Amino acid sequence: MIQVPKLTQAHEKLKTLIGTWRGTETIHSSPFDPKGGKAIGIVSNRLALDGFAVIQDYEQQRDDQTNFRGHGIFRWDSDKDAYLLHWLDSVGGPLSEMRGSFNGNILQLVGQSPTGRSRATFDFSGLRRHTYRMEVSPDGQQWFTFIEADYSRMD
């Protein structure tokens, strides 16, 4: 017989992400985006699977046009004792996975890909706002900021 899992405090912490957010993004020049520039980001996070996951839909706009979309699933993995983010986007690369933990209202996740490491930091310390930073590293030692964003809650 399959034992039905129970929600834990770690699952409850996922609710920190819930909401629809919109804000300004600064994309720093890099091999991924040589010009860099400003963008508008819209993030929609909703609770799913009876509270065991959060589904994220992301859209980036530049020059009043959507130029990038992403879809993520955040979840708590008790076997790995970590939060996981499974990510797909319109660039078309393989499914990626990042893992990490909350420290207060800050969620930091780290992942590995063929192009190097990435580190995402979501800071929900603000009232009805959060910041986001994506850093990349070719070697896991030196980190470079790729995207910085400041989002306000829309709902």
Protein backbone atom coordinates (compact mmCIF):
# COMPACT_ATOMS: atom_id res chain seq x y z
CA MET A 1 0.00 0.00 0.00
CA ILE A 2 1.27 3.46 -0.92
CA GLN A 3 1.65 5.76 2.05
CA VAL A 4 0.11 9.17 1.39
CA PRO A 5 2.69 11.89 2.09
CA LYS A 6 1.92 14.71 4.48
CA LEU A 7 2.71 18.38 4.02
CA THR A 8 5.59 19.58 6.19
CA GLN A 9 6.90 22.98 7.30
CA ALA A 10 9.21 22.84 4.29
CA HIS A 11 6.21 22.53 1.97
CA GLU A 12 4.50 25.43 3.76
CA LYS A 13 7.57 27.61 3.10
CA LEU A 14 6.91 27.23 -0.64
CA LYS A 15 3.88 29.50 -0.16
CA THR A 16 6.36 32.39 0.16
CA LEU A 17 6.64 32.36 -3.64
CA ILE A 18 2.90 32.49 -4.41
CA GLY A 19 1.61 35.49 -6.33
CA THR A 20 1.79 37.42 -9.56
CA TRP A 21 4.79 39.73 -9.76
CA ARG A 22 5.89 42.36 -12.29
CA GLY A 23 9.08 44.37 -12.34
CA THR A 24 12.12 45.74 -14.03
CA GLU A 25 15.05 43.57 -14.96
CA THR A 26 18.62 44.48 -15.77
CA ILE A 27 20.34 41.99 -18.03
CA HIS A 28 24.11 42.36 -17.86
CA SER A 29 26.10 41.77 -21.04
CA SER A 30 27.38 38.21 -21.26
CA PRO A 31 27.88 35.45 -23.84
CA PHE A 32 24.14 34.70 -23.39
CA ASP A 33 23.15 38.30 -24.19
CA PRO A 34 26.10 40.38 -25.49
CA LYS A 35 24.15 43.67 -25.54
CA GLY A 36 22.40 43.30 -22.19
CA GLY A 37 19.77 45.90 -21.38
CA LYS A 38 16.50 46.48 -19.57
CA ALA A 39 13.40 44.31 -19.62
CA ILE A 40 10.05 43.83 -17.91
CA GLY A 41 9.51 40.53 -16.15
CA ILE A 42 6.14 39.02 -15.24
CA VAL A 43 6.17 36.06 -12.86
CA SER A 44 3.11 34.02 -11.93
CA ASN A 45 3.57 31.47 -9.12
CA ARG A 46 0.70 29.24 -8.06
CA LEU A 47 0.33 26.41 -5.58
CA ALA A 48 -0.10 22.99 -7.19
CA LEU A 49 -0.39 19.30 -6.36
CA ASP A 50 -2.24 19.86 -3.09
CA GLY A 51 0.52 22.10 -1.73
CA PHE A 52 3.47 19.89 -2.67
CA ALA A 53 4.70 22.17 -5.48
CA VAL A 54 4.61 25.70 -6.88
CA ILE A 55 4.31 26.17 -10.63
CA GLN A 56 5.91 29.25 -12.15
CA ASP A 57 5.15 30.84 -15.51
CA TYR A 58 7.60 33.56 -16.50
CA GLU A 59 7.58 36.07 -19.34
CA GLN A 60 10.21 38.63 -20.27
CA GLN A 61 9.38 41.63 -22.45
CA ARG A 62 11.69 43.95 -24.32
CA ASP A 63 10.56 46.74 -26.63
CA ASP A 64 6.91 45.91 -25.81
CA GLN A 65 7.29 42.36 -27.14
CA THR A 66 7.66 39.05 -25.35
CA ASN A 67 11.13 37.73 -26.15
CA PHE A 68 11.49 34.91 -23.59
CA ARG A 69 9.25 32.53 -21.64
CA GLY A 70 10.02 30.03 -18.92
CA HIS A 71 8.19 27.41 -16.88
CA GLY A 72 9.37 26.15 -13.53
CA ILE A 73 8.29 23.74 -10.83
CA PHE A 74 9.50 24.37 -7.29
CA ARG A 75 9.23 21.55 -4.78
CA TRP A 76 10.64 20.22 -1.53
CA ASP A 77 12.58 16.96 -1.83
CA SER A 78 12.86 15.36 1.60
CA ASP A 79 15.25 12.68 0.29
CA LYS A 80 17.71 15.36 -0.85
CA ASP A 81 16.82 17.69 2.06
CA ALA A 82 16.58 20.53 -0.45
CA TYR A 83 14.24 22.71 -2.46
CA LEU A 84 14.38 21.91 -6.16
CA LEU A 85 13.52 23.99 -9.21
CA HIS A 86 12.94 22.13 -12.47
CA TRP A 87 13.13 24.61 -15.37
CA LEU A 88 12.31 24.73 -19.10
CA ASP A 89 12.31 27.81 -21.30
CA SER A 90 11.85 29.10 -24.82
CA VAL A 91 15.57 28.89 -25.57
CA GLY A 92 14.95 25.16 -25.99
CA GLY A 93 17.72 23.69 -23.88
CA PRO A 94 17.33 20.54 -21.78
CA LEU A 95 15.34 20.43 -18.55
CA SER A 96 17.52 21.90 -15.83
CA GLU A 97 17.47 21.39 -12.09
CA MET A 98 18.64 23.70 -9.35
CA ARG A 99 18.68 22.92 -5.65
CA GLY A 100 19.11 24.85 -2.46
CA SER A 101 17.51 26.15 0.69
CA PHE A 102 15.68 28.99 2.37
CA ASN A 103 17.51 31.21 4.83
CA GLY A 104 14.65 33.20 6.36
CA ASN A 105 12.80 34.68 3.37
CA ILE A 106 15.69 34.20 0.96
CA LEU A 107 15.70 31.15 -1.31
CA GLN A 108 19.01 30.37 -2.99
CA LEU A 109 19.31 27.61 -5.59
CA VAL A 110 22.38 26.37 -7.47
CA GLY A 111 22.54 24.31 -10.64
CA GLN A 112 25.00 22.84 -13.12
CA SER A 113 24.69 22.86 -16.91
CA PRO A 114 27.01 22.19 -19.86
CA THR A 115 27.87 25.92 -19.93
CA GLY A 116 28.77 26.15 -16.24
CA ARG A 117 27.05 26.78 -12.93
CA SER A 118 24.17 29.08 -12.14
CA ARG A 119 22.94 30.49 -8.85
CA ALA A 120 19.48 32.03 -8.38
CA THR A 121 18.62 34.12 -5.33
CA PHE A 122 15.00 35.05 -4.57
CA ASP A 123 14.70 37.57 -1.72
CA PHE A 124 11.15 37.86 -0.35
CA SER A 125 12.15 40.09 2.59
CA GLY A 126 10.31 43.14 1.19
CA LEU A 127 6.67 43.97 1.78
CA ARG A 128 4.71 43.01 -1.40
CA ARG A 129 7.93 42.90 -3.41
CA HIS A 130 10.89 40.65 -4.02
CA THR A 131 14.23 40.81 -5.73
CA TYR A 132 15.87 38.22 -7.93
CA ARG A 133 19.46 37.73 -9.02
CA MET A 134 20.83 35.12 -11.43
CA GLU A 135 24.56 34.62 -11.33
CA VAL A 136 26.64 32.37 -13.59
CA SER A 137 30.07 30.84 -13.14
CA PRO A 138 32.24 28.85 -15.54
CA ASP A 139 34.12 27.20 -12.65
CA GLY A 140 31.99 27.53 -9.49
CA GLN A 141 34.55 29.93 -8.01
CA GLN A 142 34.12 33.23 -9.84
CA TRP A 143 30.48 34.39 -10.12
CA PHE A 144 29.11 37.01 -12.54
CA THR A 145 25.70 38.65 -12.28
CA PHE A 146 23.61 37.91 -15.36
CA ILE A 147 20.18 39.26 -14.33
CA GLU A 148 19.00 41.48 -11.47
CA ALA A 149 15.31 42.19 -10.98
CA ASP A 150 12.99 44.02 -8.62
CA TYR A 151 9.38 42.80 -8.69
CA SER A 152 6.21 44.16 -7.10
CA ARG A 153 3.24 42.01 -6.22
CA MET A 154 0.28 42.57 -8.58
CA ASP A 155 -2.39 40.58 -6.69
